[in-house]
Amino acid sequence: MTKLALGTHPFLLGFEQLERLVERTAKTGNDGYPPYNIEQTSERSYRITLAVAGFGEGDLAITVEDSALVVRGKQTDDAEGRVFLHRGIAARQFQRSFVLADGVDVGGATMENGLLHIDLNRSEPDRVVHTIQIKKG
């Protein structure tokens, strides 16, 4: 018996991109920084919360690129002239990506107490029934 890949199953017409999407999702950075939560806030909305302590609004960039929500953070190193006896809070940059399904849009973003909240909204799907006419050949 031959094992079929997910995107090549004969009943999944038009889902060829699904396997590439799963691979792309698996390749996103898994270093765990910054930590984040994803919660469902209603039947059609979600919230991603990233712990970005030490970052200001100007240090963060949020973009949607090729159906992926990308959050980038880059701090300026202001350690010049300072002597650290211990430096446990690193000023490092990060990039965190989340693949968005079709119909999911970014509603907005807010910063509060070192947490970046990104609200996502799912649009109402089209529930239209189409009747296909059969033409004589």
C-alpha atoms as a PDB file:
ATOM      1  CA  MET A   1       0.000   0.000   0.000  1.00  0.00           C
ATOM      2  CA  THR A   2       1.366   3.417  -0.963  1.00  0.00           C
ATOM      3  CA  LYS A   3       1.222   6.222   1.573  1.00  0.00           C
ATOM      4  CA  LEU A   4      -0.106   9.467   0.127  1.00  0.00           C
ATOM      5  CA  ALA A   5       1.181  12.829   1.239  1.00  0.00           C
ATOM      6  CA  LEU A   6      -1.422  15.143   2.757  1.00  0.00           C
ATOM      7  CA  GLY A   7      -1.519  17.554  -0.191  1.00  0.00           C
ATOM      8  CA  THR A   8      -1.736  14.796  -2.807  1.00  0.00           C
ATOM      9  CA  HIS A   9      -4.815  12.929  -1.553  1.00  0.00           C
ATOM     10  CA  PRO A  10      -7.285  12.596  -4.460  1.00  0.00           C
ATOM     11  CA  PHE A  11     -10.206  14.062  -2.463  1.00  0.00           C
ATOM     12  CA  LEU A  12      -8.289  17.242  -1.521  1.00  0.00           C
ATOM     13  CA  LEU A  13      -8.491  19.148  -4.777  1.00  0.00           C
ATOM     14  CA  GLY A  14      -6.796  22.535  -4.736  1.00  0.00           C
ATOM     15  CA  PHE A  15      -4.961  21.925  -1.440  1.00  0.00           C
ATOM     16  CA  GLU A  16      -1.491  21.477  -2.958  1.00  0.00           C
ATOM     17  CA  GLN A  17      -0.203  24.417  -0.930  1.00  0.00           C
ATOM     18  CA  LEU A  18      -1.218  22.791   2.350  1.00  0.00           C
ATOM     19  CA  GLU A  19       1.881  20.613   2.574  1.00  0.00           C
ATOM     20  CA  ARG A  20       4.150  23.588   1.810  1.00  0.00           C
ATOM     21  CA  LEU A  21       2.308  25.590   4.469  1.00  0.00           C
ATOM     22  CA  VAL A  22       2.899  22.889   7.078  1.00  0.00           C
ATOM     23  CA  GLU A  23       6.605  22.739   6.162  1.00  0.00           C
ATOM     24  CA  ARG A  24       6.915  26.535   6.342  1.00  0.00           C
ATOM     25  CA  THR A  25       5.244  26.580   9.739  1.00  0.00           C
ATOM     26  CA  ALA A  26       7.614  23.925  11.050  1.00  0.00           C
ATOM     27  CA  LYS A  27      10.634  25.957   9.904  1.00  0.00           C
ATOM     28  CA  THR A  28       9.711  29.101  11.830  1.00  0.00           C
ATOM     29  CA  GLY A  29      12.035  29.964  14.687  1.00  0.00           C
ATOM     30  CA  ASN A  30      11.545  27.687  17.648  1.00  0.00           C
ATOM     31  CA  ASP A  31      14.062  29.282  20.003  1.00  0.00           C
ATOM     32  CA  GLY A  32      11.292  30.200  22.445  1.00  0.00           C
ATOM     33  CA  TYR A  33      12.046  33.921  22.487  1.00  0.00           C
ATOM     34  CA  PRO A  34      10.014  35.898  23.053  1.00  0.00           C
ATOM     35  CA  PRO A  35       7.465  33.752  24.868  1.00  0.00           C
ATOM     36  CA  TYR A  36       3.896  34.152  23.666  1.00  0.00           C
ATOM     37  CA  ASN A  37       0.281  33.130  24.274  1.00  0.00           C
ATOM     38  CA  ILE A  38      -2.472  32.590  21.727  1.00  0.00           C
ATOM     39  CA  GLU A  39      -6.030  32.830  22.991  1.00  0.00           C
ATOM     40  CA  GLN A  40      -9.445  32.715  21.387  1.00  0.00           C
ATOM     41  CA  THR A  41     -11.273  35.832  22.512  1.00  0.00           C
ATOM     42  CA  SER A  42     -14.553  35.088  20.738  1.00  0.00           C
ATOM     43  CA  GLU A  43     -15.937  32.719  18.131  1.00  0.00           C
ATOM     44  CA  ARG A  44     -14.302  34.782  15.362  1.00  0.00           C
ATOM     45  CA  SER A  45     -11.345  36.499  17.020  1.00  0.00           C
ATOM     46  CA  TYR A  46      -7.985  35.653  18.535  1.00  0.00           C
ATOM     47  CA  ARG A  47      -5.257  37.438  20.472  1.00  0.00           C
ATOM     48  CA  ILE A  48      -1.538  36.793  20.332  1.00  0.00           C
ATOM     49  CA  THR A  49       0.355  38.165  23.333  1.00  0.00           C
ATOM     50  CA  LEU A  50       4.144  38.390  23.263  1.00  0.00           C
ATOM     51  CA  ALA A  51       6.267  39.173  26.332  1.00  0.00           C
ATOM     52  CA  VAL A  52       8.510  41.963  25.040  1.00  0.00           C
ATOM     53  CA  ALA A  53       9.848  43.512  28.245  1.00  0.00           C
ATOM     54  CA  GLY A  54      12.482  46.125  27.496  1.00  0.00           C
ATOM     55  CA  PHE A  55      11.165  46.854  23.995  1.00  0.00           C
ATOM     56  CA  GLY A  56       9.366  50.088  23.182  1.00  0.00           C
ATOM     57  CA  GLU A  57       6.839  50.610  20.415  1.00  0.00           C
ATOM     58  CA  GLY A  58       9.608  52.035  18.212  1.00  0.00           C
ATOM     59  CA  ASP A  59      11.697  48.875  18.656  1.00  0.00           C
ATOM     60  CA  LEU A  60       8.965  46.614  17.233  1.00  0.00           C
ATOM     61  CA  ALA A  61       7.668  46.073  13.705  1.00  0.00           C
ATOM     62  CA  ILE A  62       4.548  44.088  12.834  1.00  0.00           C
ATOM     63  CA  THR A  63       3.962  43.111   9.204  1.00  0.00           C
ATOM     64  CA  VAL A  64       1.895  40.645   7.198  1.00  0.00           C
ATOM     65  CA  GLU A  65       4.058  38.975   4.568  1.00  0.00           C
ATOM     66  CA  ASP A  66       2.847  36.210   2.288  1.00  0.00           C
ATOM     67  CA  SER A  67      -0.005  35.158   4.619  1.00  0.00           C
ATOM     68  CA  ALA A  68       2.239  35.241   7.681  1.00  0.00           C
ATOM     69  CA  LEU A  69       2.144  37.641  10.601  1.00  0.00           C
ATOM     70  CA  VAL A  70       5.759  38.618  11.339  1.00  0.00           C
ATOM     71  CA  VAL A  71       6.779  40.409  14.535  1.00  0.00           C
ATOM     72  CA  ARG A  72      10.322  41.783  14.667  1.00  0.00           C
ATOM     73  CA  GLY A  73      12.060  43.394  17.596  1.00  0.00           C
ATOM     74  CA  LYS A  74      15.378  45.205  17.601  1.00  0.00           C
ATOM     75  CA  GLN A  75      16.704  47.108  20.588  1.00  0.00           C
ATOM     76  CA  THR A  76      19.424  49.679  20.425  1.00  0.00           C
ATOM     77  CA  ASP A  77      22.350  48.794  22.665  1.00  0.00           C
ATOM     78  CA  ASP A  78      22.669  51.702  25.097  1.00  0.00           C
ATOM     79  CA  ALA A  79      25.337  49.998  27.225  1.00  0.00           C
ATOM     80  CA  GLU A  80      28.068  52.403  26.150  1.00  0.00           C
ATOM     81  CA  GLY A  81      29.664  53.972  29.186  1.00  0.00           C
ATOM     82  CA  ARG A  82      27.951  51.557  31.592  1.00  0.00           C
ATOM     83  CA  VAL A  83      29.735  48.879  33.615  1.00  0.00           C
ATOM     84  CA  PHE A  84      27.674  45.743  34.190  1.00  0.00           C
ATOM     85  CA  LEU A  85      28.588  43.467  37.083  1.00  0.00           C
ATOM     86  CA  HIS A  86      26.010  41.003  35.747  1.00  0.00           C
ATOM     87  CA  ARG A  87      24.080  41.281  32.491  1.00  0.00           C
ATOM     88  CA  GLY A  88      21.134  38.890  32.513  1.00  0.00           C
ATOM     89  CA  ILE A  89      18.785  41.046  30.454  1.00  0.00           C
ATOM     90  CA  ALA A  90      20.017  40.724  26.908  1.00  0.00           C
ATOM     91  CA  ALA A  91      19.294  43.378  24.308  1.00  0.00           C
ATOM     92  CA  ARG A  92      18.775  40.960  21.454  1.00  0.00           C
ATOM     93  CA  GLN A  93      16.709  41.092  18.350  1.00  0.00           C
ATOM     94  CA  PHE A  94      14.033  38.577  17.433  1.00  0.00           C
ATOM     95  CA  GLN A  95      11.648  37.564  14.686  1.00  0.00           C
ATOM     96  CA  ARG A  96       8.506  35.560  15.438  1.00  0.00           C
ATOM     97  CA  SER A  97       6.195  34.376  12.630  1.00  0.00           C
ATOM     98  CA  PHE A  98       2.628  33.085  12.710  1.00  0.00           C
ATOM     99  CA  VAL A  99       0.978  31.640   9.592  1.00  0.00           C
ATOM    100  CA  LEU A 100      -2.488  33.127   9.067  1.00  0.00           C
ATOM    101  CA  ALA A 101      -5.356  31.207   7.515  1.00  0.00           C
ATOM    102  CA  ASP A 102      -7.304  32.731   4.650  1.00  0.00           C
ATOM    103  CA  GLY A 103      -9.845  35.170   6.011  1.00  0.00           C
ATOM    104  CA  VAL A 104      -7.858  36.035   9.161  1.00  0.00           C
ATOM    105  CA  ASP A 105      -6.863  39.696   9.353  1.00  0.00           C
ATOM    106  CA  VAL A 106      -4.925  41.740  11.885  1.00  0.00           C
ATOM    107  CA  GLY A 107      -7.332  43.979  13.789  1.00  0.00           C
ATOM    108  CA  GLY A 108      -4.719  46.000  15.677  1.00  0.00           C
ATOM    109  CA  ALA A 109      -1.905  45.911  18.204  1.00  0.00           C
ATOM    110  CA  THR A 110      -1.412  47.418  21.655  1.00  0.00           C
ATOM    111  CA  MET A 111       1.430  47.535  24.200  1.00  0.00           C
ATOM    112  CA  GLU A 112       0.648  47.197  27.894  1.00  0.00           C
ATOM    113  CA  ASN A 113       3.011  46.468  30.794  1.00  0.00           C
ATOM    114  CA  GLY A 114       5.701  44.881  28.610  1.00  0.00           C
ATOM    115  CA  LEU A 115       3.180  42.779  26.692  1.00  0.00           C
ATOM    116  CA  LEU A 116       2.444  43.211  22.988  1.00  0.00           C
ATOM    117  CA  HIS A 117      -1.151  42.246  22.156  1.00  0.00           C
ATOM    118  CA  ILE A 118      -2.058  41.564  18.519  1.00  0.00           C
ATOM    119  CA  ASP A 119      -5.749  41.072  17.797  1.00  0.00           C
ATOM    120  CA  LEU A 120      -6.833  38.899  14.869  1.00  0.00           C
ATOM    121  CA  ASN A 121     -10.295  38.692  13.319  1.00  0.00           C
ATOM    122  CA  ARG A 122     -11.731  35.964  11.130  1.00  0.00           C
ATOM    123  CA  SER A 123     -14.048  37.257   8.426  1.00  0.00           C
ATOM    124  CA  GLU A 124     -17.420  35.630   7.834  1.00  0.00           C
ATOM    125  CA  PRO A 125     -17.081  32.860   5.225  1.00  0.00           C
ATOM    126  CA  ASP A 126     -19.137  33.033   2.060  1.00  0.00           C
ATOM    127  CA  ARG A 127     -21.943  30.503   2.344  1.00  0.00           C
ATOM    128  CA  VAL A 128     -23.190  30.571  -1.193  1.00  0.00           C
ATOM    129  CA  VAL A 129     -24.693  27.649  -3.053  1.00  0.00           C
ATOM    130  CA  HIS A 130     -23.890  27.654  -6.751  1.00  0.00           C
ATOM    131  CA  THR A 131     -25.902  25.631  -9.232  1.00  0.00           C
ATOM    132  CA  ILE A 132     -23.805  24.467 -12.156  1.00  0.00           C
ATOM    133  CA  GLN A 133     -25.595  24.220 -15.482  1.00  0.00           C
ATOM    134  CA  ILE A 134     -24.814  21.216 -17.635  1.00  0.00           C
ATOM    135  CA  LYS A 135     -24.141  22.146 -21.247  1.00  0.00           C
ATOM    136  CA  LYS A 136     -24.800  19.878 -24.155  1.00  0.00           C
ATOM    137  CA  GLY A 137     -21.557  18.641 -25.728  1.00  0.00           C
END
